[in-house]
Amino acid sequence: MFYVDTSVWVAAIAEEAKSDDVRSWLGRFDSEEVVISDWVVTEFSSALSLKIRTGQIRLEQRAAALSAFSNLVSDSLSTLPVKTRHFRSAALFTDNHLTGLRASDALHLAVAAENGAAVCTLDATMASAGPLLGIETIVP
């Protein structure tokens, strides 16, 4: 099972430097192998709002990306719930200052770890922190 984090979905749906590579990589998997969490849905909206605020995309592009992601989530992806224990695990992960993890990334790792999923991310800090915490990470 592959837990695909927000950075990968943003690259897959919004145009970024790694978009073609990410789309090709995602195309290798059956949708049953790919999971997200409710936190990915929240972060995806946040990432697109940031792109609006920084002038990277227009409102129409944001609307199209949100619609595409919403359809993908409802039609193809399994969504793992985020539970109180995941927040507690994320806190423990961030207690290890050597990981450099932000709370949001630690939460992704906690959800994936509990479900036995490898974390797929474009975030270099999360990719290097995962193995320190015993969580497989993959950079597409």
N, C-alpha and C. Protein backbone atom coordinates (compact mmCIF):
# COMPACT_ATOMS: atom_id res chain seq x y z
N MET A 1 0.86 -1.17 0.00
CA MET A 1 0.00 0.00 0.00
C MET A 1 0.90 1.24 0.00
N PHE A 2 0.46 2.25 -0.75
CA PHE A 2 1.24 3.48 -0.89
C PHE A 2 0.40 4.67 -0.44
N TYR A 3 0.88 5.35 0.59
CA TYR A 3 0.25 6.57 1.09
C TYR A 3 0.89 7.71 0.31
N VAL A 4 0.09 8.32 -0.55
CA VAL A 4 0.61 9.40 -1.40
C VAL A 4 0.26 10.73 -0.75
N ASP A 5 1.29 11.49 -0.42
CA ASP A 5 1.06 12.73 0.33
C ASP A 5 0.70 13.89 -0.60
N THR A 6 0.40 15.00 0.00
CA THR A 6 -0.10 16.18 -0.70
C THR A 6 0.86 16.68 -1.77
N SER A 7 2.14 16.68 -1.49
CA SER A 7 3.10 17.23 -2.45
C SER A 7 3.02 16.50 -3.79
N VAL A 8 2.78 15.22 -3.75
CA VAL A 8 2.68 14.43 -4.98
C VAL A 8 1.39 14.77 -5.72
N TRP A 9 0.28 14.87 -4.98
CA TRP A 9 -1.00 15.18 -5.64
C TRP A 9 -1.01 16.58 -6.25
N VAL A 10 -0.40 17.53 -5.57
CA VAL A 10 -0.34 18.89 -6.13
C VAL A 10 0.45 18.87 -7.43
N ALA A 11 1.56 18.17 -7.43
CA ALA A 11 2.36 18.08 -8.66
C ALA A 11 1.62 17.33 -9.76
N ALA A 12 0.83 16.34 -9.38
CA ALA A 12 0.11 15.55 -10.38
C ALA A 12 -1.03 16.33 -11.02
N ILE A 13 -1.65 17.22 -10.25
CA ILE A 13 -2.87 17.88 -10.73
C ILE A 13 -2.63 19.33 -11.15
N ALA A 14 -1.80 20.05 -10.44
CA ALA A 14 -1.44 21.42 -10.83
C ALA A 14 -0.12 21.33 -11.60
N GLU A 15 0.11 22.24 -12.48
CA GLU A 15 1.35 22.20 -13.26
C GLU A 15 2.54 22.66 -12.44
N GLU A 16 3.50 21.77 -12.29
CA GLU A 16 4.75 22.05 -11.60
C GLU A 16 5.89 21.41 -12.37
N ALA A 17 7.09 21.67 -11.97
CA ALA A 17 8.27 21.16 -12.67
C ALA A 17 8.27 19.63 -12.75
N LYS A 18 7.80 18.96 -11.72
CA LYS A 18 7.85 17.50 -11.68
C LYS A 18 6.53 16.84 -12.09
N SER A 19 5.60 17.60 -12.62
CA SER A 19 4.26 17.07 -12.93
C SER A 19 4.30 15.87 -13.86
N ASP A 20 5.02 15.95 -14.96
CA ASP A 20 5.06 14.83 -15.91
C ASP A 20 5.63 13.58 -15.27
N ASP A 21 6.72 13.73 -14.53
CA ASP A 21 7.33 12.58 -13.86
C ASP A 21 6.37 11.96 -12.85
N VAL A 22 5.70 12.80 -12.07
CA VAL A 22 4.78 12.30 -11.05
C VAL A 22 3.60 11.59 -11.69
N ARG A 23 3.04 12.16 -12.73
CA ARG A 23 1.90 11.52 -13.42
C ARG A 23 2.30 10.15 -13.97
N SER A 24 3.47 10.09 -14.56
CA SER A 24 3.96 8.82 -15.10
C SER A 24 4.14 7.80 -13.97
N TRP A 25 4.72 8.24 -12.88
CA TRP A 25 4.94 7.35 -11.73
C TRP A 25 3.61 6.85 -11.16
N LEU A 26 2.65 7.75 -10.97
CA LEU A 26 1.35 7.35 -10.43
C LEU A 26 0.63 6.38 -11.36
N GLY A 27 0.84 6.52 -12.64
CA GLY A 27 0.19 5.65 -13.62
C GLY A 27 0.61 4.20 -13.53
N ARG A 28 1.65 3.91 -12.80
CA ARG A 28 2.13 2.53 -12.65
C ARG A 28 1.34 1.74 -11.63
N PHE A 29 0.50 2.40 -10.85
CA PHE A 29 -0.18 1.73 -9.74
C PHE A 29 -1.67 1.55 -10.01
N ASP A 30 -2.22 0.48 -9.45
CA ASP A 30 -3.67 0.32 -9.43
C ASP A 30 -4.20 1.23 -8.33
N SER A 31 -5.37 1.76 -8.53
CA SER A 31 -5.93 2.68 -7.53
C SER A 31 -6.11 2.00 -6.18
N GLU A 32 -6.26 0.68 -6.17
CA GLU A 32 -6.43 -0.03 -4.90
C GLU A 32 -5.16 0.00 -4.05
N GLU A 33 -4.02 0.25 -4.67
CA GLU A 33 -2.75 0.30 -3.96
C GLU A 33 -2.48 1.66 -3.34
N VAL A 34 -3.20 2.68 -3.76
CA VAL A 34 -2.92 4.06 -3.38
C VAL A 34 -3.94 4.54 -2.36
N VAL A 35 -3.45 5.10 -1.26
CA VAL A 35 -4.33 5.67 -0.24
C VAL A 35 -3.89 7.09 0.10
N ILE A 36 -4.82 7.82 0.65
CA ILE A 36 -4.56 9.15 1.18
C ILE A 36 -5.22 9.20 2.55
N SER A 37 -5.11 10.33 3.20
CA SER A 37 -5.85 10.54 4.45
C SER A 37 -6.69 11.79 4.29
N ASP A 38 -7.58 11.99 5.24
CA ASP A 38 -8.37 13.21 5.26
C ASP A 38 -7.46 14.44 5.33
N TRP A 39 -6.28 14.28 5.92
CA TRP A 39 -5.34 15.39 6.03
C TRP A 39 -4.83 15.82 4.66
N VAL A 40 -4.66 14.88 3.74
CA VAL A 40 -4.23 15.20 2.38
C VAL A 40 -5.26 16.11 1.72
N VAL A 41 -6.53 15.82 1.94
CA VAL A 41 -7.60 16.63 1.35
C VAL A 41 -7.50 18.07 1.85
N THR A 42 -7.28 18.23 3.15
CA THR A 42 -7.14 19.57 3.73
C THR A 42 -5.91 20.28 3.17
N GLU A 43 -4.79 19.60 3.17
CA GLU A 43 -3.56 20.22 2.68
C GLU A 43 -3.62 20.56 1.19
N PHE A 44 -4.32 19.74 0.42
CA PHE A 44 -4.43 20.03 -1.01
C PHE A 44 -5.11 21.37 -1.23
N SER A 45 -6.22 21.60 -0.53
CA SER A 45 -6.90 22.89 -0.64
C SER A 45 -6.00 24.03 -0.19
N SER A 46 -5.28 23.82 0.89
CA SER A 46 -4.37 24.84 1.39
C SER A 46 -3.27 25.15 0.38
N ALA A 47 -2.71 24.12 -0.23
CA ALA A 47 -1.63 24.31 -1.21
C ALA A 47 -2.12 25.12 -2.41
N LEU A 48 -3.34 24.85 -2.85
CA LEU A 48 -3.86 25.61 -3.99
C LEU A 48 -4.16 27.05 -3.60
N SER A 49 -4.62 27.27 -2.39
CA SER A 49 -4.83 28.64 -1.93
C SER A 49 -3.51 29.40 -1.86
N LEU A 50 -2.47 28.74 -1.42
CA LEU A 50 -1.14 29.36 -1.40
C LEU A 50 -0.70 29.71 -2.82
N LYS A 51 -0.96 28.84 -3.76
CA LYS A 51 -0.60 29.12 -5.15
C LYS A 51 -1.37 30.34 -5.68
N ILE A 52 -2.61 30.52 -5.24
CA ILE A 52 -3.38 31.72 -5.63
C ILE A 52 -2.72 32.96 -5.02
N ARG A 53 -2.44 32.90 -3.72
CA ARG A 53 -1.88 34.06 -3.03
C ARG A 53 -0.52 34.48 -3.57
N THR A 54 0.23 33.52 -4.08
CA THR A 54 1.57 33.83 -4.58
C THR A 54 1.59 34.04 -6.10
N GLY A 55 0.42 34.03 -6.71
CA GLY A 55 0.32 34.31 -8.14
C GLY A 55 0.79 33.18 -9.05
N GLN A 56 0.88 31.97 -8.52
CA GLN A 56 1.33 30.84 -9.34
C GLN A 56 0.23 30.28 -10.24
N ILE A 57 -1.02 30.42 -9.78
CA ILE A 57 -2.15 29.96 -10.58
C ILE A 57 -3.28 30.99 -10.50
N ARG A 58 -4.22 30.87 -11.42
CA ARG A 58 -5.40 31.73 -11.43
C ARG A 58 -6.57 31.00 -10.77
N LEU A 59 -7.61 31.74 -10.44
CA LEU A 59 -8.78 31.16 -9.79
C LEU A 59 -9.39 30.03 -10.61
N GLU A 60 -9.41 30.18 -11.92
CA GLU A 60 -9.98 29.13 -12.77
C GLU A 60 -9.15 27.85 -12.69
N GLN A 61 -7.84 27.99 -12.62
CA GLN A 61 -6.98 26.83 -12.50
C GLN A 61 -7.18 26.13 -11.15
N ARG A 62 -7.33 26.94 -10.11
CA ARG A 62 -7.59 26.38 -8.79
C ARG A 62 -8.89 25.60 -8.79
N ALA A 63 -9.95 26.17 -9.37
CA ALA A 63 -11.25 25.50 -9.42
C ALA A 63 -11.15 24.18 -10.18
N ALA A 64 -10.44 24.18 -11.30
CA ALA A 64 -10.28 22.96 -12.08
C ALA A 64 -9.49 21.90 -11.31
N ALA A 65 -8.43 22.33 -10.63
CA ALA A 65 -7.62 21.39 -9.86
C ALA A 65 -8.40 20.81 -8.68
N LEU A 66 -9.14 21.66 -7.98
CA LEU A 66 -9.96 21.17 -6.86
C LEU A 66 -11.00 20.17 -7.34
N SER A 67 -11.62 20.46 -8.47
CA SER A 67 -12.63 19.56 -9.02
C SER A 67 -12.00 18.23 -9.42
N ALA A 68 -10.85 18.28 -10.09
CA ALA A 68 -10.17 17.06 -10.50
C ALA A 68 -9.77 16.21 -9.29
N PHE A 69 -9.24 16.86 -8.27
CA PHE A 69 -8.83 16.12 -7.08
C PHE A 69 -10.04 15.54 -6.35
N SER A 70 -11.09 16.32 -6.23
CA SER A 70 -12.31 15.84 -5.58
C SER A 70 -12.87 14.61 -6.29
N ASN A 71 -12.88 14.64 -7.62
CA ASN A 71 -13.35 13.49 -8.39
C ASN A 71 -12.45 12.28 -8.18
N LEU A 72 -11.16 12.50 -8.17
CA LEU A 72 -10.21 11.42 -7.95
C LEU A 72 -10.43 10.78 -6.58
N VAL A 73 -10.59 11.62 -5.57
CA VAL A 73 -10.80 11.11 -4.21
C VAL A 73 -12.08 10.31 -4.13
N SER A 74 -13.16 10.83 -4.68
CA SER A 74 -14.45 10.13 -4.55
C SER A 74 -14.56 8.91 -5.44
N ASP A 75 -13.86 8.91 -6.59
CA ASP A 75 -14.01 7.81 -7.54
C ASP A 75 -12.95 6.73 -7.43
N SER A 76 -11.74 7.08 -6.97
CA SER A 76 -10.64 6.13 -7.13
C SER A 76 -9.81 5.84 -5.89
N LEU A 77 -9.80 6.72 -4.92
CA LEU A 77 -8.86 6.57 -3.81
C LEU A 77 -9.54 6.14 -2.52
N SER A 78 -8.84 5.34 -1.76
CA SER A 78 -9.28 5.02 -0.41
C SER A 78 -8.73 6.10 0.51
N THR A 79 -9.57 6.59 1.40
CA THR A 79 -9.18 7.65 2.32
C THR A 79 -9.12 7.10 3.74
N LEU A 80 -7.96 7.22 4.35
CA LEU A 80 -7.78 6.78 5.73
C LEU A 80 -8.16 7.91 6.67
N PRO A 81 -8.89 7.59 7.73
CA PRO A 81 -9.24 8.64 8.68
C PRO A 81 -8.04 9.04 9.53
N VAL A 82 -8.06 10.27 9.97
CA VAL A 82 -7.05 10.76 10.91
C VAL A 82 -7.68 10.70 12.29
N LYS A 83 -7.03 10.00 13.19
CA LYS A 83 -7.58 9.77 14.53
C LYS A 83 -6.71 10.43 15.59
N THR A 84 -7.25 10.55 16.78
CA THR A 84 -6.53 11.18 17.88
C THR A 84 -5.17 10.54 18.09
N ARG A 85 -5.09 9.23 18.00
CA ARG A 85 -3.80 8.55 18.22
C ARG A 85 -2.76 8.95 17.18
N HIS A 86 -3.20 9.35 15.99
CA HIS A 86 -2.25 9.79 14.97
C HIS A 86 -1.60 11.11 15.37
N PHE A 87 -2.38 11.98 15.98
CA PHE A 87 -1.82 13.25 16.46
C PHE A 87 -0.79 12.98 17.56
N ARG A 88 -1.09 12.01 18.42
CA ARG A 88 -0.14 11.65 19.50
C ARG A 88 1.15 11.07 18.91
N SER A 89 1.01 10.20 17.92
CA SER A 89 2.20 9.63 17.28
C SER A 89 3.00 10.72 16.57
N ALA A 90 2.30 11.62 15.90
CA ALA A 90 2.97 12.72 15.21
C ALA A 90 3.75 13.57 16.20
N ALA A 91 3.19 13.79 17.38
CA ALA A 91 3.90 14.55 18.41
C ALA A 91 5.19 13.84 18.81
N LEU A 92 5.12 12.52 18.95
CA LEU A 92 6.33 11.76 19.28
C LEU A 92 7.36 11.85 18.16
N PHE A 93 6.89 11.81 16.92
CA PHE A 93 7.81 11.92 15.79
C PHE A 93 8.52 13.28 15.79
N THR A 94 7.78 14.33 16.10
CA THR A 94 8.39 15.66 16.10
C THR A 94 9.26 15.89 17.33
N ASP A 95 9.06 15.09 18.38
CA ASP A 95 9.93 15.18 19.55
C ASP A 95 11.38 14.90 19.17
N ASN A 96 11.57 14.08 18.15
CA ASN A 96 12.93 13.78 17.68
C ASN A 96 13.35 14.94 16.77
N HIS A 97 14.03 15.90 17.35
CA HIS A 97 14.40 17.11 16.60
C HIS A 97 15.32 16.82 15.42
N LEU A 98 15.98 15.69 15.44
CA LEU A 98 16.88 15.35 14.34
C LEU A 98 16.14 15.09 13.03
N THR A 99 14.84 14.78 13.11
CA THR A 99 14.08 14.50 11.89
C THR A 99 13.78 15.78 11.12
N GLY A 100 13.70 16.92 11.81
CA GLY A 100 13.36 18.17 11.15
C GLY A 100 11.92 18.26 10.71
N LEU A 101 11.09 17.36 11.22
CA LEU A 101 9.70 17.29 10.77
C LEU A 101 8.85 18.45 11.26
N ARG A 102 7.99 18.90 10.37
CA ARG A 102 6.91 19.81 10.76
C ARG A 102 5.74 18.93 11.19
N ALA A 103 4.85 19.51 11.97
CA ALA A 103 3.72 18.74 12.51
C ALA A 103 2.89 18.11 11.40
N SER A 104 2.64 18.86 10.34
CA SER A 104 1.78 18.34 9.27
C SER A 104 2.40 17.11 8.60
N ASP A 105 3.70 17.14 8.40
CA ASP A 105 4.36 15.99 7.78
C ASP A 105 4.43 14.80 8.74
N ALA A 106 4.62 15.08 10.00
CA ALA A 106 4.62 14.01 11.00
C ALA A 106 3.26 13.32 11.05
N LEU A 107 2.20 14.09 10.84
CA LEU A 107 0.85 13.50 10.84
C LEU A 107 0.69 12.55 9.65
N HIS A 108 1.17 12.92 8.49
CA HIS A 108 1.14 12.00 7.34
C HIS A 108 1.87 10.70 7.68
N LEU A 109 3.06 10.84 8.24
CA LEU A 109 3.86 9.66 8.58
C LEU A 109 3.15 8.78 9.61
N ALA A 110 2.50 9.38 10.58
CA ALA A 110 1.80 8.62 11.61
C ALA A 110 0.65 7.81 11.03
N VAL A 111 -0.13 8.43 10.17
CA VAL A 111 -1.26 7.72 9.55
C VAL A 111 -0.75 6.57 8.69
N ALA A 112 0.26 6.84 7.88
CA ALA A 112 0.82 5.80 7.02
C ALA A 112 1.41 4.66 7.84
N ALA A 113 2.15 4.99 8.88
CA ALA A 113 2.80 3.97 9.70
C ALA A 113 1.78 3.03 10.33
N GLU A 114 0.72 3.59 10.86
CA GLU A 114 -0.28 2.74 11.50
C GLU A 114 -0.94 1.79 10.51
N ASN A 115 -1.02 2.20 9.27
CA ASN A 115 -1.68 1.39 8.25
C ASN A 115 -0.71 0.56 7.42
N GLY A 116 0.57 0.57 7.79
CA GLY A 116 1.56 -0.24 7.10
C GLY A 116 1.84 0.19 5.67
N ALA A 117 1.68 1.46 5.40
CA ALA A 117 1.87 1.98 4.05
C ALA A 117 3.22 2.67 3.91
N ALA A 118 3.79 2.57 2.73
CA ALA A 118 4.97 3.36 2.39
C ALA A 118 4.49 4.77 2.06
N VAL A 119 5.26 5.77 2.47
CA VAL A 119 4.90 7.16 2.20
C VAL A 119 5.58 7.62 0.92
N CYS A 120 4.79 8.13 0.00
CA CYS A 120 5.29 8.67 -1.26
C CYS A 120 5.21 10.18 -1.17
N THR A 121 6.35 10.85 -1.31
CA THR A 121 6.39 12.29 -1.10
C THR A 121 7.47 12.94 -1.95
N LEU A 122 7.26 14.21 -2.24
CA LEU A 122 8.28 15.02 -2.88
C LEU A 122 9.01 15.88 -1.86
N ASP A 123 8.60 15.80 -0.61
CA ASP A 123 9.18 16.59 0.47
C ASP A 123 10.45 15.91 0.97
N ALA A 124 11.59 16.54 0.76
CA ALA A 124 12.88 15.94 1.10
C ALA A 124 13.01 15.66 2.59
N THR A 125 12.50 16.56 3.43
CA THR A 125 12.61 16.35 4.88
C THR A 125 11.80 15.14 5.31
N MET A 126 10.58 15.03 4.81
CA MET A 126 9.75 13.87 5.17
C MET A 126 10.36 12.59 4.62
N ALA A 127 10.90 12.64 3.41
CA ALA A 127 11.50 11.45 2.81
C ALA A 127 12.69 10.95 3.62
N SER A 128 13.47 11.86 4.19
CA SER A 128 14.62 11.43 4.97
C SER A 128 14.24 11.08 6.41
N ALA A 129 13.17 11.69 6.93
CA ALA A 129 12.74 11.40 8.30
C ALA A 129 12.06 10.04 8.43
N GLY A 130 11.32 9.66 7.42
CA GLY A 130 10.58 8.39 7.48
C GLY A 130 11.45 7.21 7.89
N PRO A 131 12.54 6.94 7.18
CA PRO A 131 13.38 5.81 7.56
C PRO A 131 13.96 5.91 8.98
N LEU A 132 14.23 7.12 9.45
CA LEU A 132 14.71 7.29 10.83
C LEU A 132 13.67 6.81 11.83
N LEU A 133 12.39 6.86 11.41
CA LEU A 133 11.29 6.46 12.27
C LEU A 133 10.77 5.06 11.94
N GLY A 134 11.46 4.36 11.04
CA GLY A 134 11.07 3.02 10.65
C GLY A 134 9.95 2.99 9.63
N ILE A 135 9.77 4.07 8.87
CA ILE A 135 8.70 4.15 7.89
C ILE A 135 9.33 4.26 6.50
N GLU A 136 8.94 3.34 5.62
CA GLU A 136 9.46 3.39 4.26
C GLU A 136 8.96 4.63 3.54
N THR A 137 9.86 5.31 2.86
CA THR A 137 9.48 6.46 2.06
C THR A 137 9.98 6.28 0.64
N ILE A 138 9.22 6.83 -0.29
CA ILE A 138 9.53 6.75 -1.71
C ILE A 138 9.39 8.15 -2.29
N VAL A 139 10.37 8.55 -3.07
CA VAL A 139 10.31 9.82 -3.79
C VAL A 139 10.09 9.48 -5.26
N PRO A 140 8.92 9.85 -5.79
CA PRO A 140 8.64 9.52 -7.20
C PRO A 140 9.63 10.18 -8.16
